[in-house]
């Protein structure tokens, strides 16, 4: 069994996860099709993870499989849909995110829509 990593589709959610979770874990912004940001300057998932590691991914709730999850699915042995989490402020629920578990990373990664950082 490998390590379990935490990521999000956008840098905003990745940063909030790293800040608000008690352990302040290393998080990744997948950035597969979005604009560049600070997370592009730090080592991405494929540079820190090892084959067999898992990725817990938090993305917008969509009726179908989220686009980022769909792009990452071929690179993991298994993918499962987890719970929906409400994001709230003082007035109530402002949006929802879905938690996905991507299990057993197979060692490769999709290309991005932007120029590679290497």
PDB file of N, CA and C in Angstrom:
ATOM      1  N   UNK A   1       0.842  -1.178   0.000  1.00  0.00           N
ATOM      2  CA  UNK A   1       0.000   0.000   0.000  1.00  0.00           C
ATOM      3  C   UNK A   1       0.886   1.240   0.000  1.00  0.00           C
ATOM      4  N   UNK A   2       0.597   2.171  -0.905  1.00  0.00           N
ATOM      5  CA  UNK A   2       1.385   3.387  -1.028  1.00  0.00           C
ATOM      6  C   UNK A   2       0.864   4.511  -0.150  1.00  0.00           C
ATOM      7  N   UNK A   3       1.412   5.664  -0.390  1.00  0.00           N
ATOM      8  CA  UNK A   3       0.985   6.862   0.330  1.00  0.00           C
ATOM      9  C   UNK A   3      -0.318   7.378  -0.251  1.00  0.00           C
ATOM     10  N   UNK A   4      -0.975   8.230   0.507  1.00  0.00           N
ATOM     11  CA  UNK A   4      -2.205   8.876   0.045  1.00  0.00           C
ATOM     12  C   UNK A   4      -1.941  10.374  -0.035  1.00  0.00           C
ATOM     13  N   UNK A   5      -2.174  10.939  -1.226  1.00  0.00           N
ATOM     14  CA  UNK A   5      -1.954  12.352  -1.490  1.00  0.00           C
ATOM     15  C   UNK A   5      -3.292  13.052  -1.645  1.00  0.00           C
ATOM     16  N   UNK A   6      -3.271  14.376  -1.580  1.00  0.00           N
ATOM     17  CA  UNK A   6      -4.495  15.163  -1.646  1.00  0.00           C
ATOM     18  C   UNK A   6      -4.367  16.221  -2.732  1.00  0.00           C
ATOM     19  N   UNK A   7      -5.402  16.346  -3.562  1.00  0.00           N
ATOM     20  CA  UNK A   7      -5.358  17.326  -4.638  1.00  0.00           C
ATOM     21  C   UNK A   7      -6.723  17.911  -4.928  1.00  0.00           C
ATOM     22  N   UNK A   8      -6.694  18.943  -5.759  1.00  0.00           N
ATOM     23  CA  UNK A   8      -7.914  19.606  -6.209  1.00  0.00           C
ATOM     24  C   UNK A   8      -7.722  20.003  -7.660  1.00  0.00           C
ATOM     25  N   UNK A   9      -8.812  20.380  -8.296  1.00  0.00           N
ATOM     26  CA  UNK A   9      -8.749  20.770  -9.697  1.00  0.00           C
ATOM     27  C   UNK A   9      -8.105  22.142  -9.863  1.00  0.00           C
ATOM     28  N   UNK A  10      -8.389  23.039  -8.934  1.00  0.00           N
ATOM     29  CA  UNK A  10      -7.893  24.419  -9.021  1.00  0.00           C
ATOM     30  C   UNK A  10      -7.034  24.759  -7.811  1.00  0.00           C
ATOM     31  N   UNK A  11      -6.182  25.769  -7.986  1.00  0.00           N
ATOM     32  CA  UNK A  11      -5.271  26.146  -6.906  1.00  0.00           C
ATOM     33  C   UNK A  11      -6.017  26.663  -5.683  1.00  0.00           C
ATOM     34  N   UNK A  12      -7.172  27.294  -5.856  1.00  0.00           N
ATOM     35  CA  UNK A  12      -7.900  27.826  -4.712  1.00  0.00           C
ATOM     36  C   UNK A  12      -8.283  26.713  -3.736  1.00  0.00           C
ATOM     37  N   UNK A  13      -8.834  25.629  -4.271  1.00  0.00           N
ATOM     38  CA  UNK A  13      -9.235  24.525  -3.401  1.00  0.00           C
ATOM     39  C   UNK A  13      -8.023  23.808  -2.812  1.00  0.00           C
ATOM     40  N   UNK A  14      -6.974  23.632  -3.612  1.00  0.00           N
ATOM     41  CA  UNK A  14      -5.762  22.979  -3.091  1.00  0.00           C
ATOM     42  C   UNK A  14      -5.179  23.781  -1.936  1.00  0.00           C
ATOM     43  N   UNK A  15      -5.128  25.093  -2.076  1.00  0.00           N
ATOM     44  CA  UNK A  15      -4.588  25.945  -1.015  1.00  0.00           C
ATOM     45  C   UNK A  15      -5.467  25.909   0.235  1.00  0.00           C
ATOM     46  N   UNK A  16      -6.779  25.915   0.055  1.00  0.00           N
ATOM     47  CA  UNK A  16      -7.668  25.851   1.208  1.00  0.00           C
ATOM     48  C   UNK A  16      -7.534  24.523   1.944  1.00  0.00           C
ATOM     49  N   UNK A  17      -7.406  23.432   1.212  1.00  0.00           N
ATOM     50  CA  UNK A  17      -7.203  22.131   1.855  1.00  0.00           C
ATOM     51  C   UNK A  17      -5.916  22.131   2.671  1.00  0.00           C
ATOM     52  N   UNK A  18      -4.842  22.636   2.092  1.00  0.00           N
ATOM     53  CA  UNK A  18      -3.552  22.661   2.800  1.00  0.00           C
ATOM     54  C   UNK A  18      -3.615  23.547   4.038  1.00  0.00           C
ATOM     55  N   UNK A  19      -4.341  24.643   3.958  1.00  0.00           N
ATOM     56  CA  UNK A  19      -4.403  25.589   5.072  1.00  0.00           C
ATOM     57  C   UNK A  19      -5.317  25.105   6.194  1.00  0.00           C
ATOM     58  N   UNK A  20      -6.520  24.614   5.829  1.00  0.00           N
ATOM     59  CA  UNK A  20      -7.513  24.317   6.844  1.00  0.00           C
ATOM     60  C   UNK A  20      -7.428  22.924   7.449  1.00  0.00           C
ATOM     61  N   UNK A  21      -6.838  21.962   6.759  1.00  0.00           N
ATOM     62  CA  UNK A  21      -6.721  20.626   7.359  1.00  0.00           C
ATOM     63  C   UNK A  21      -5.684  20.673   8.475  1.00  0.00           C
ATOM     64  N   UNK A  22      -5.939  19.971   9.566  1.00  0.00           N
ATOM     65  CA  UNK A  22      -5.066  20.087  10.741  1.00  0.00           C
ATOM     66  C   UNK A  22      -3.593  19.762  10.479  1.00  0.00           C
ATOM     67  N   UNK A  23      -3.306  18.813   9.634  1.00  0.00           N
ATOM     68  CA  UNK A  23      -1.914  18.406   9.398  1.00  0.00           C
ATOM     69  C   UNK A  23      -1.208  19.293   8.375  1.00  0.00           C
ATOM     70  N   UNK A  24      -1.945  20.212   7.737  1.00  0.00           N
ATOM     71  CA  UNK A  24      -1.411  21.052   6.651  1.00  0.00           C
ATOM     72  C   UNK A  24      -0.654  20.189   5.643  1.00  0.00           C
ATOM     73  N   UNK A  25      -1.373  19.233   5.025  1.00  0.00           N
ATOM     74  CA  UNK A  25      -0.708  18.277   4.124  1.00  0.00           C
ATOM     75  C   UNK A  25      -0.220  18.928   2.831  1.00  0.00           C
ATOM     76  N   UNK A  26       0.715  18.254   2.193  1.00  0.00           N
ATOM     77  CA  UNK A  26       1.089  18.636   0.834  1.00  0.00           C
ATOM     78  C   UNK A  26      -0.126  18.423  -0.046  1.00  0.00           C
ATOM     79  N   UNK A  27      -0.471  19.419  -0.834  1.00  0.00           N
ATOM     80  CA  UNK A  27      -1.600  19.295  -1.749  1.00  0.00           C
ATOM     81  C   UNK A  27      -1.137  19.641  -3.158  1.00  0.00           C
ATOM     82  N   UNK A  28      -1.907  19.203  -4.116  1.00  0.00           N
ATOM     83  CA  UNK A  28      -1.600  19.466  -5.518  1.00  0.00           C
ATOM     84  C   UNK A  28      -2.790  20.120  -6.193  1.00  0.00           C
ATOM     85  N   UNK A  29      -2.524  21.072  -7.051  1.00  0.00           N
ATOM     86  CA  UNK A  29      -3.538  21.592  -7.966  1.00  0.00           C
ATOM     87  C   UNK A  29      -3.265  20.889  -9.292  1.00  0.00           C
ATOM     88  N   UNK A  30      -4.239  20.176  -9.806  1.00  0.00           N
ATOM     89  CA  UNK A  30      -4.011  19.363 -10.994  1.00  0.00           C
ATOM     90  C   UNK A  30      -3.642  20.203 -12.211  1.00  0.00           C
ATOM     91  N   UNK A  31      -4.273  21.367 -12.382  1.00  0.00           N
ATOM     92  CA  UNK A  31      -3.899  22.289 -13.460  1.00  0.00           C
ATOM     93  C   UNK A  31      -3.792  21.616 -14.830  1.00  0.00           C
ATOM     94  N   UNK A  32      -4.678  20.692 -15.127  1.00  0.00           N
ATOM     95  CA  UNK A  32      -4.594  19.986 -16.411  1.00  0.00           C
ATOM     96  C   UNK A  32      -5.033  20.841 -17.585  1.00  0.00           C
ATOM     97  N   UNK A  33      -5.912  21.798 -17.344  1.00  0.00           N
ATOM     98  CA  UNK A  33      -6.349  22.645 -18.454  1.00  0.00           C
ATOM     99  C   UNK A  33      -6.476  24.112 -18.065  1.00  0.00           C
ATOM    100  N   UNK A  34      -6.298  24.423 -16.805  1.00  0.00           N
ATOM    101  CA  UNK A  34      -6.439  25.806 -16.351  1.00  0.00           C
ATOM    102  C   UNK A  34      -5.191  26.626 -16.605  1.00  0.00           C
ATOM    103  N   UNK A  35      -5.281  27.878 -16.231  1.00  0.00           N
ATOM    104  CA  UNK A  35      -4.147  28.778 -16.395  1.00  0.00           C
ATOM    105  C   UNK A  35      -3.052  28.440 -15.388  1.00  0.00           C
ATOM    106  N   UNK A  36      -1.845  28.868 -15.688  1.00  0.00           N
ATOM    107  CA  UNK A  36      -0.734  28.632 -14.793  1.00  0.00           C
ATOM    108  C   UNK A  36      -0.909  29.351 -13.469  1.00  0.00           C
ATOM    109  N   UNK A  37      -0.294  28.818 -12.421  1.00  0.00           N
ATOM    110  CA  UNK A  37      -0.353  29.437 -11.104  1.00  0.00           C
ATOM    111  C   UNK A  37       0.826  28.965 -10.261  1.00  0.00           C
ATOM    112  N   UNK A  38       0.857  29.375  -9.025  1.00  0.00           N
ATOM    113  CA  UNK A  38       1.975  29.073  -8.127  1.00  0.00           C
ATOM    114  C   UNK A  38       2.263  27.573  -8.031  1.00  0.00           C
ATOM    115  N   UNK A  39       1.226  26.750  -8.082  1.00  0.00           N
ATOM    116  CA  UNK A  39       1.437  25.304  -7.975  1.00  0.00           C
ATOM    117  C   UNK A  39       2.301  24.769  -9.114  1.00  0.00           C
ATOM    118  N   UNK A  40       2.354  25.463 -10.228  1.00  0.00           N
ATOM    119  CA  UNK A  40       3.210  25.026 -11.338  1.00  0.00           C
ATOM    120  C   UNK A  40       4.690  25.180 -11.011  1.00  0.00           C
ATOM    121  N   UNK A  41       5.006  25.977 -10.005  1.00  0.00           N
ATOM    122  CA  UNK A  41       6.404  26.192  -9.608  1.00  0.00           C
ATOM    123  C   UNK A  41       6.891  25.146  -8.607  1.00  0.00           C
ATOM    124  N   UNK A  42       5.976  24.425  -8.024  1.00  0.00           N
ATOM    125  CA  UNK A  42       6.301  23.408  -7.029  1.00  0.00           C
ATOM    126  C   UNK A  42       6.249  22.027  -7.677  1.00  0.00           C
ATOM    127  N   UNK A  43       6.920  21.050  -7.085  1.00  0.00           N
ATOM    128  CA  UNK A  43       6.888  19.700  -7.679  1.00  0.00           C
ATOM    129  C   UNK A  43       5.450  19.177  -7.798  1.00  0.00           C
ATOM    130  N   UNK A  44       5.069  18.712  -8.975  1.00  0.00           N
ATOM    131  CA  UNK A  44       3.715  18.171  -9.163  1.00  0.00           C
ATOM    132  C   UNK A  44       3.626  16.727  -8.658  1.00  0.00           C
ATOM    133  N   UNK A  45       2.419  16.223  -8.621  1.00  0.00           N
ATOM    134  CA  UNK A  45       2.157  14.860  -8.164  1.00  0.00           C
ATOM    135  C   UNK A  45       3.121  13.831  -8.774  1.00  0.00           C
ATOM    136  N   UNK A  46       3.323  13.811 -10.099  1.00  0.00           N
ATOM    137  CA  UNK A  46       4.184  12.765 -10.666  1.00  0.00           C
ATOM    138  C   UNK A  46       5.641  12.821 -10.209  1.00  0.00           C
ATOM    139  N   UNK A  47       6.092  13.958  -9.707  1.00  0.00           N
ATOM    140  CA  UNK A  47       7.476  14.055  -9.225  1.00  0.00           C
ATOM    141  C   UNK A  47       7.636  13.585  -7.787  1.00  0.00           C
ATOM    142  N   UNK A  48       6.559  13.620  -6.991  1.00  0.00           N
ATOM    143  CA  UNK A  48       6.652  13.225  -5.584  1.00  0.00           C
ATOM    144  C   UNK A  48       6.050  11.855  -5.304  1.00  0.00           C
ATOM    145  N   UNK A  49       5.064  11.470  -6.074  1.00  0.00           N
ATOM    146  CA  UNK A  49       4.381  10.195  -5.843  1.00  0.00           C
ATOM    147  C   UNK A  49       5.197   9.035  -6.399  1.00  0.00           C
ATOM    148  N   UNK A  50       4.867   7.862  -5.903  1.00  0.00           N
ATOM    149  CA  UNK A  50       5.465   6.623  -6.404  1.00  0.00           C
ATOM    150  C   UNK A  50       4.348   5.724  -6.904  1.00  0.00           C
ATOM    151  N   UNK A  51       4.703   4.812  -7.796  1.00  0.00           N
ATOM    152  CA  UNK A  51       3.707   3.832  -8.261  1.00  0.00           C
ATOM    153  C   UNK A  51       3.031   3.206  -7.050  1.00  0.00           C
ATOM    154  N   UNK A  52       1.716   3.046  -7.150  1.00  0.00           N
ATOM    155  CA  UNK A  52       0.941   2.451  -6.066  1.00  0.00           C
ATOM    156  C   UNK A  52       0.345   3.466  -5.108  1.00  0.00           C
ATOM    157  N   UNK A  53       0.758   4.728  -5.190  1.00  0.00           N
ATOM    158  CA  UNK A  53       0.193   5.760  -4.318  1.00  0.00           C
ATOM    159  C   UNK A  53      -1.235   6.082  -4.739  1.00  0.00           C
ATOM    160  N   UNK A  54      -2.008   6.617  -3.791  1.00  0.00           N
ATOM    161  CA  UNK A  54      -3.394   7.018  -4.035  1.00  0.00           C
ATOM    162  C   UNK A  54      -3.487   8.537  -4.068  1.00  0.00           C
ATOM    163  N   UNK A  55      -4.533   9.032  -4.710  1.00  0.00           N
ATOM    164  CA  UNK A  55      -4.797  10.464  -4.771  1.00  0.00           C
ATOM    165  C   UNK A  55      -6.257  10.703  -4.408  1.00  0.00           C
ATOM    166  N   UNK A  56      -6.484  11.462  -3.341  1.00  0.00           N
ATOM    167  CA  UNK A  56      -7.826  11.906  -2.979  1.00  0.00           C
ATOM    168  C   UNK A  56      -8.003  13.251  -3.666  1.00  0.00           C
ATOM    169  N   UNK A  57      -8.990  13.335  -4.540  1.00  0.00           N
ATOM    170  CA  UNK A  57      -9.172  14.507  -5.375  1.00  0.00           C
ATOM    171  C   UNK A  57     -10.507  15.174  -5.057  1.00  0.00           C
ATOM    172  N   UNK A  58     -10.477  16.480  -4.818  1.00  0.00           N
ATOM    173  CA  UNK A  58     -11.672  17.261  -4.512  1.00  0.00           C
ATOM    174  C   UNK A  58     -11.947  18.183  -5.703  1.00  0.00           C
ATOM    175  N   UNK A  59     -13.114  18.004  -6.323  1.00  0.00           N
ATOM    176  CA  UNK A  59     -13.457  18.769  -7.529  1.00  0.00           C
ATOM    177  C   UNK A  59     -14.910  19.231  -7.463  1.00  0.00           C
ATOM    178  N   UNK A  60     -15.273  20.141  -8.368  1.00  0.00           N
ATOM    179  CA  UNK A  60     -16.673  20.580  -8.460  1.00  0.00           C
ATOM    180  C   UNK A  60     -17.581  19.374  -8.616  1.00  0.00           C
ATOM    181  N   UNK A  61     -18.738  19.457  -8.022  1.00  0.00           N
ATOM    182  CA  UNK A  61     -19.740  18.411  -8.197  1.00  0.00           C
ATOM    183  C   UNK A  61     -20.364  18.575  -9.575  1.00  0.00           C
ATOM    184  N   UNK A  62     -20.367  17.512 -10.346  1.00  0.00           N
ATOM    185  CA  UNK A  62     -20.986  17.490 -11.667  1.00  0.00           C
ATOM    186  C   UNK A  62     -21.853  16.246 -11.776  1.00  0.00           C
ATOM    187  N   UNK A  63     -22.875  16.251 -12.633  1.00  0.00           N
ATOM    188  CA  UNK A  63     -23.736  15.076 -12.743  1.00  0.00           C
ATOM    189  C   UNK A  63     -22.998  13.853 -13.279  1.00  0.00           C
ATOM    190  N   UNK A  64     -22.003  14.077 -14.120  1.00  0.00           N
ATOM    191  CA  UNK A  64     -21.216  12.984 -14.672  1.00  0.00           C
ATOM    192  C   UNK A  64     -19.834  12.995 -14.025  1.00  0.00           C
ATOM    193  N   UNK A  65     -18.959  12.181 -14.522  1.00  0.00           N
ATOM    194  CA  UNK A  65     -17.579  12.180 -14.039  1.00  0.00           C
ATOM    195  C   UNK A  65     -16.937  13.519 -14.395  1.00  0.00           C
ATOM    196  N   UNK A  66     -16.346  14.168 -13.422  1.00  0.00           N
ATOM    197  CA  UNK A  66     -15.688  15.460 -13.633  1.00  0.00           C
ATOM    198  C   UNK A  66     -14.577  15.302 -14.672  1.00  0.00           C
ATOM    199  N   UNK A  67     -14.357  16.312 -15.497  1.00  0.00           N
ATOM    200  CA  UNK A  67     -13.361  16.239 -16.567  1.00  0.00           C
ATOM    201  C   UNK A  67     -11.967  15.899 -16.095  1.00  0.00           C
ATOM    202  N   UNK A  68     -11.544  16.449 -14.970  1.00  0.00           N
ATOM    203  CA  UNK A  68     -10.204  16.137 -14.443  1.00  0.00           C
ATOM    204  C   UNK A  68     -10.132  14.681 -14.019  1.00  0.00           C
ATOM    205  N   UNK A  69     -11.172  14.181 -13.386  1.00  0.00           N
ATOM    206  CA  UNK A  69     -11.207  12.770 -12.982  1.00  0.00           C
ATOM    207  C   UNK A  69     -11.161  11.881 -14.221  1.00  0.00           C
ATOM    208  N   UNK A  70     -11.909  12.233 -15.244  1.00  0.00           N
ATOM    209  CA  UNK A  70     -11.916  11.447 -16.482  1.00  0.00           C
ATOM    210  C   UNK A  70     -10.521  11.396 -17.106  1.00  0.00           C
ATOM    211  N   UNK A  71      -9.812  12.519 -17.096  1.00  0.00           N
ATOM    212  CA  UNK A  71      -8.466  12.547 -17.684  1.00  0.00           C
ATOM    213  C   UNK A  71      -7.468  11.747 -16.861  1.00  0.00           C
ATOM    214  N   UNK A  72      -7.673  11.661 -15.547  1.00  0.00           N
ATOM    215  CA  UNK A  72      -6.728  10.940 -14.684  1.00  0.00           C
ATOM    216  C   UNK A  72      -7.042   9.449 -14.551  1.00  0.00           C
ATOM    217  N   UNK A  73      -8.271   9.061 -14.823  1.00  0.00           N
ATOM    218  CA  UNK A  73      -8.698   7.668 -14.638  1.00  0.00           C
ATOM    219  C   UNK A  73      -7.767   6.645 -15.301  1.00  0.00           C
ATOM    220  N   UNK A  74      -7.299   6.845 -16.538  1.00  0.00           N
ATOM    221  CA  UNK A  74      -6.439   5.826 -17.147  1.00  0.00           C
ATOM    222  C   UNK A  74      -5.094   5.621 -16.441  1.00  0.00           C
ATOM    223  N   UNK A  75      -4.730   6.516 -15.543  1.00  0.00           N
ATOM    224  CA  UNK A  75      -3.425   6.458 -14.905  1.00  0.00           C
ATOM    225  C   UNK A  75      -3.472   5.857 -13.503  1.00  0.00           C
ATOM    226  N   UNK A  76      -4.656   5.376 -13.100  1.00  0.00           N
ATOM    227  CA  UNK A  76      -4.851   4.747 -11.804  1.00  0.00           C
ATOM    228  C   UNK A  76      -5.559   3.409 -12.003  1.00  0.00           C
ATOM    229  N   UNK A  77      -5.313   2.461 -11.097  1.00  0.00           N
ATOM    230  CA  UNK A  77      -5.923   1.137 -11.212  1.00  0.00           C
ATOM    231  C   UNK A  77      -7.409   1.163 -10.875  1.00  0.00           C
ATOM    232  N   UNK A  78      -7.831   2.108 -10.044  1.00  0.00           N
ATOM    233  CA  UNK A  78      -9.234   2.188  -9.671  1.00  0.00           C
ATOM    234  C   UNK A  78      -9.627   3.601  -9.299  1.00  0.00           C
ATOM    235  N   UNK A  79     -10.877   3.936  -9.583  1.00  0.00           N
ATOM    236  CA  UNK A  79     -11.394   5.266  -9.271  1.00  0.00           C
ATOM    237  C   UNK A  79     -12.791   5.087  -8.684  1.00  0.00           C
ATOM    238  N   UNK A  80     -13.058   5.765  -7.567  1.00  0.00           N
ATOM    239  CA  UNK A  80     -14.400   5.701  -6.990  1.00  0.00           C
ATOM    240  C   UNK A  80     -14.874   7.075  -6.565  1.00  0.00           C
ATOM    241  N   UNK A  81     -16.172   7.267  -6.720  1.00  0.00           N
ATOM    242  CA  UNK A  81     -16.839   8.524  -6.377  1.00  0.00           C
ATOM    243  C   UNK A  81     -17.145   8.500  -4.887  1.00  0.00           C
ATOM    244  N   UNK A  82     -16.734   9.562  -4.195  1.00  0.00           N
ATOM    245  CA  UNK A  82     -16.997   9.670  -2.758  1.00  0.00           C
ATOM    246  C   UNK A  82     -18.140  10.628  -2.468  1.00  0.00           C
ATOM    247  N   UNK A  83     -18.130  11.153  -1.276  1.00  0.00           N
ATOM    248  CA  UNK A  83     -19.192  12.026  -0.799  1.00  0.00           C
ATOM    249  C   UNK A  83     -19.150  13.412  -1.430  1.00  0.00           C
ATOM    250  N   UNK A  84     -20.282  14.089  -1.358  1.00  0.00           N
ATOM    251  CA  UNK A  84     -20.375  15.507  -1.710  1.00  0.00           C
ATOM    252  C   UNK A  84     -20.205  16.294  -0.415  1.00  0.00           C
ATOM    253  N   UNK A  85     -19.390  17.343  -0.498  1.00  0.00           N
ATOM    254  CA  UNK A  85     -19.130  18.200   0.652  1.00  0.00           C
ATOM    255  C   UNK A  85     -19.691  19.589   0.346  1.00  0.00           C
ATOM    256  N   UNK A  86     -20.478  20.122   1.276  1.00  0.00           N
ATOM    257  CA  UNK A  86     -21.013  21.471   1.127  1.00  0.00           C
ATOM    258  C   UNK A  86     -19.974  22.491   1.564  1.00  0.00           C
ATOM    259  N   UNK A  87     -19.793  23.531   0.764  1.00  0.00           N
ATOM    260  CA  UNK A  87     -18.972  24.662   1.153  1.00  0.00           C
ATOM    261  C   UNK A  87     -19.922  25.745   1.636  1.00  0.00           C
ATOM    262  N   UNK A  88     -19.711  26.215   2.855  1.00  0.00           N
ATOM    263  CA  UNK A  88     -20.649  27.138   3.481  1.00  0.00           C
ATOM    264  C   UNK A  88     -19.980  28.439   3.891  1.00  0.00           C
ATOM    265  N   UNK A  89     -20.789  29.451   3.980  1.00  0.00           N
ATOM    266  CA  UNK A  89     -20.390  30.674   4.650  1.00  0.00           C
ATOM    267  C   UNK A  89     -21.496  31.001   5.650  1.00  0.00           C
ATOM    268  N   UNK A  90     -21.514  32.203   6.171  1.00  0.00           N
ATOM    269  CA  UNK A  90     -22.518  32.560   7.191  1.00  0.00           C
ATOM    270  C   UNK A  90     -23.951  32.463   6.678  1.00  0.00           C
ATOM    271  N   UNK A  91     -24.124  32.570   5.380  1.00  0.00           N
ATOM    272  CA  UNK A  91     -25.472  32.551   4.806  1.00  0.00           C
ATOM    273  C   UNK A  91     -25.940  31.160   4.402  1.00  0.00           C
ATOM    274  N   UNK A  92     -25.051  30.185   4.441  1.00  0.00           N
ATOM    275  CA  UNK A  92     -25.450  28.832   4.069  1.00  0.00           C
ATOM    276  C   UNK A  92     -24.523  28.223   3.038  1.00  0.00           C
ATOM    277  N   UNK A  93     -25.033  27.233   2.293  1.00  0.00           N
ATOM    278  CA  UNK A  93     -24.248  26.522   1.288  1.00  0.00           C
ATOM    279  C   UNK A  93     -24.004  27.438   0.087  1.00  0.00           C
ATOM    280  N   UNK A  94     -22.733  27.578  -0.288  1.00  0.00           N
ATOM    281  CA  UNK A  94     -22.399  28.418  -1.445  1.00  0.00           C
ATOM    282  C   UNK A  94     -22.024  27.581  -2.667  1.00  0.00           C
ATOM    283  N   UNK A  95     -21.531  26.367  -2.452  1.00  0.00           N
ATOM    284  CA  UNK A  95     -21.275  25.445  -3.558  1.00  0.00           C
ATOM    285  C   UNK A  95     -20.991  24.068  -2.981  1.00  0.00           C
ATOM    286  N   UNK A  96     -20.768  23.122  -3.877  1.00  0.00           N
ATOM    287  CA  UNK A  96     -20.495  21.750  -3.453  1.00  0.00           C
ATOM    288  C   UNK A  96     -19.275  21.209  -4.185  1.00  0.00           C
ATOM    289  N   UNK A  97     -18.553  20.335  -3.527  1.00  0.00           N
ATOM    290  CA  UNK A  97     -17.420  19.638  -4.121  1.00  0.00           C
ATOM    291  C   UNK A  97     -17.627  18.141  -3.908  1.00  0.00           C
ATOM    292  N   UNK A  98     -17.138  17.372  -4.867  1.00  0.00           N
ATOM    293  CA  UNK A  98     -17.194  15.907  -4.780  1.00  0.00           C
ATOM    294  C   UNK A  98     -15.801  15.397  -4.449  1.00  0.00           C
ATOM    295  N   UNK A  99     -15.719  14.414  -3.573  1.00  0.00           N
ATOM    296  CA  UNK A  99     -14.452  13.766  -3.239  1.00  0.00           C
ATOM    297  C   UNK A  99     -14.350  12.489  -4.070  1.00  0.00           C
ATOM    298  N   UNK A 100     -13.223  12.327  -4.743  1.00  0.00           N
ATOM    299  CA  UNK A 100     -12.943  11.135  -5.546  1.00  0.00           C
ATOM    300  C   UNK A 100     -11.695  10.450  -5.005  1.00  0.00           C
ATOM    301  N   UNK A 101     -11.690   9.132  -5.015  1.00  0.00           N
ATOM    302  CA  UNK A 101     -10.510   8.365  -4.612  1.00  0.00           C
ATOM    303  C   UNK A 101      -9.934   7.705  -5.863  1.00  0.00           C
ATOM    304  N   UNK A 102      -8.711   8.073  -6.182  1.00  0.00           N
ATOM    305  CA  UNK A 102      -7.995   7.462  -7.300  1.00  0.00           C
ATOM    306  C   UNK A 102      -6.934   6.561  -6.684  1.00  0.00           C
ATOM    307  N   UNK A 103      -7.052   5.266  -6.902  1.00  0.00           N
ATOM    308  CA  UNK A 103      -6.213   4.290  -6.221  1.00  0.00           C
ATOM    309  C   UNK A 103      -5.148   3.680  -7.134  1.00  0.00           C
ATOM    310  N   UNK A 104      -3.999   3.469  -6.546  1.00  0.00           N
ATOM    311  CA  UNK A 104      -2.912   2.716  -7.177  1.00  0.00           C
ATOM    312  C   UNK A 104      -2.420   3.382  -8.461  1.00  0.00           C
ATOM    313  N   UNK A 105      -1.721   4.502  -8.293  1.00  0.00           N
ATOM    314  CA  UNK A 105      -1.166   5.228  -9.440  1.00  0.00           C
ATOM    315  C   UNK A 105      -0.239   4.318 -10.225  1.00  0.00           C
ATOM    316  N   UNK A 106      -0.377   4.334 -11.560  1.00  0.00           N
ATOM    317  CA  UNK A 106       0.369   3.434 -12.422  1.00  0.00           C
ATOM    318  C   UNK A 106       1.686   4.003 -12.944  1.00  0.00           C
ATOM    319  N   UNK A 107       1.997   5.256 -12.603  1.00  0.00           N
ATOM    320  CA  UNK A 107       3.322   5.778 -12.914  1.00  0.00           C
ATOM    321  C   UNK A 107       3.430   6.742 -14.077  1.00  0.00           C
ATOM    322  N   UNK A 108       2.351   6.996 -14.808  1.00  0.00           N
ATOM    323  CA  UNK A 108       2.444   8.007 -15.864  1.00  0.00           C
ATOM    324  C   UNK A 108       1.351   9.040 -15.633  1.00  0.00           C
ATOM    325  N   UNK A 109       1.333  10.059 -16.483  1.00  0.00           N
ATOM    326  CA  UNK A 109       0.486  11.224 -16.229  1.00  0.00           C
ATOM    327  C   UNK A 109       0.039  11.823 -17.555  1.00  0.00           C
ATOM    328  N   UNK A 110      -1.147  12.420 -17.598  1.00  0.00           N
ATOM    329  CA  UNK A 110      -1.588  13.040 -18.856  1.00  0.00           C
ATOM    330  C   UNK A 110      -0.785  14.308 -19.153  1.00  0.00           C
ATOM    331  N   UNK A 111      -0.726  14.642 -20.412  1.00  0.00           N
ATOM    332  CA  UNK A 111      -0.100  15.910 -20.784  1.00  0.00           C
ATOM    333  C   UNK A 111      -1.077  17.026 -20.472  1.00  0.00           C
ATOM    334  N   UNK A 112      -0.550  18.223 -20.258  1.00  0.00           N
ATOM    335  CA  UNK A 112      -1.417  19.368 -19.968  1.00  0.00           C
ATOM    336  C   UNK A 112      -1.731  20.105 -21.249  1.00  0.00           C
ATOM    337  N   UNK A 113      -2.725  20.976 -21.180  1.00  0.00           N
ATOM    338  CA  UNK A 113      -3.083  21.799 -22.328  1.00  0.00           C
ATOM    339  C   UNK A 113      -2.133  22.983 -22.494  1.00  0.00           C
ATOM    340  N   UNK A 114      -1.260  23.176 -21.506  1.00  0.00           N
ATOM    341  CA  UNK A 114      -0.274  24.250 -21.560  1.00  0.00           C
ATOM    342  C   UNK A 114       1.080  23.649 -21.853  1.00  0.00           C
ATOM    343  N   UNK A 115       2.044  24.464 -22.110  1.00  0.00           N
ATOM    344  CA  UNK A 115       3.404  23.985 -22.331  1.00  0.00           C
ATOM    345  C   UNK A 115       3.907  23.304 -21.061  1.00  0.00           C
ATOM    346  N   UNK A 116       4.653  22.223 -21.194  1.00  0.00           N
ATOM    347  CA  UNK A 116       5.168  21.539 -20.005  1.00  0.00           C
ATOM    348  C   UNK A 116       6.132  22.430 -19.241  1.00  0.00           C
ATOM    349  N   UNK A 117       6.187  22.223 -17.926  1.00  0.00           N
ATOM    350  CA  UNK A 117       7.064  23.050 -17.088  1.00  0.00           C
ATOM    351  C   UNK A 117       8.517  22.610 -17.167  1.00  0.00           C
ATOM    352  N   UNK A 118       8.785  21.448 -17.683  1.00  0.00           N
ATOM    353  CA  UNK A 118      10.158  20.938 -17.717  1.00  0.00           C
ATOM    354  C   UNK A 118      10.833  21.301 -19.001  1.00  0.00           C
TER     355      UNK A 118
END
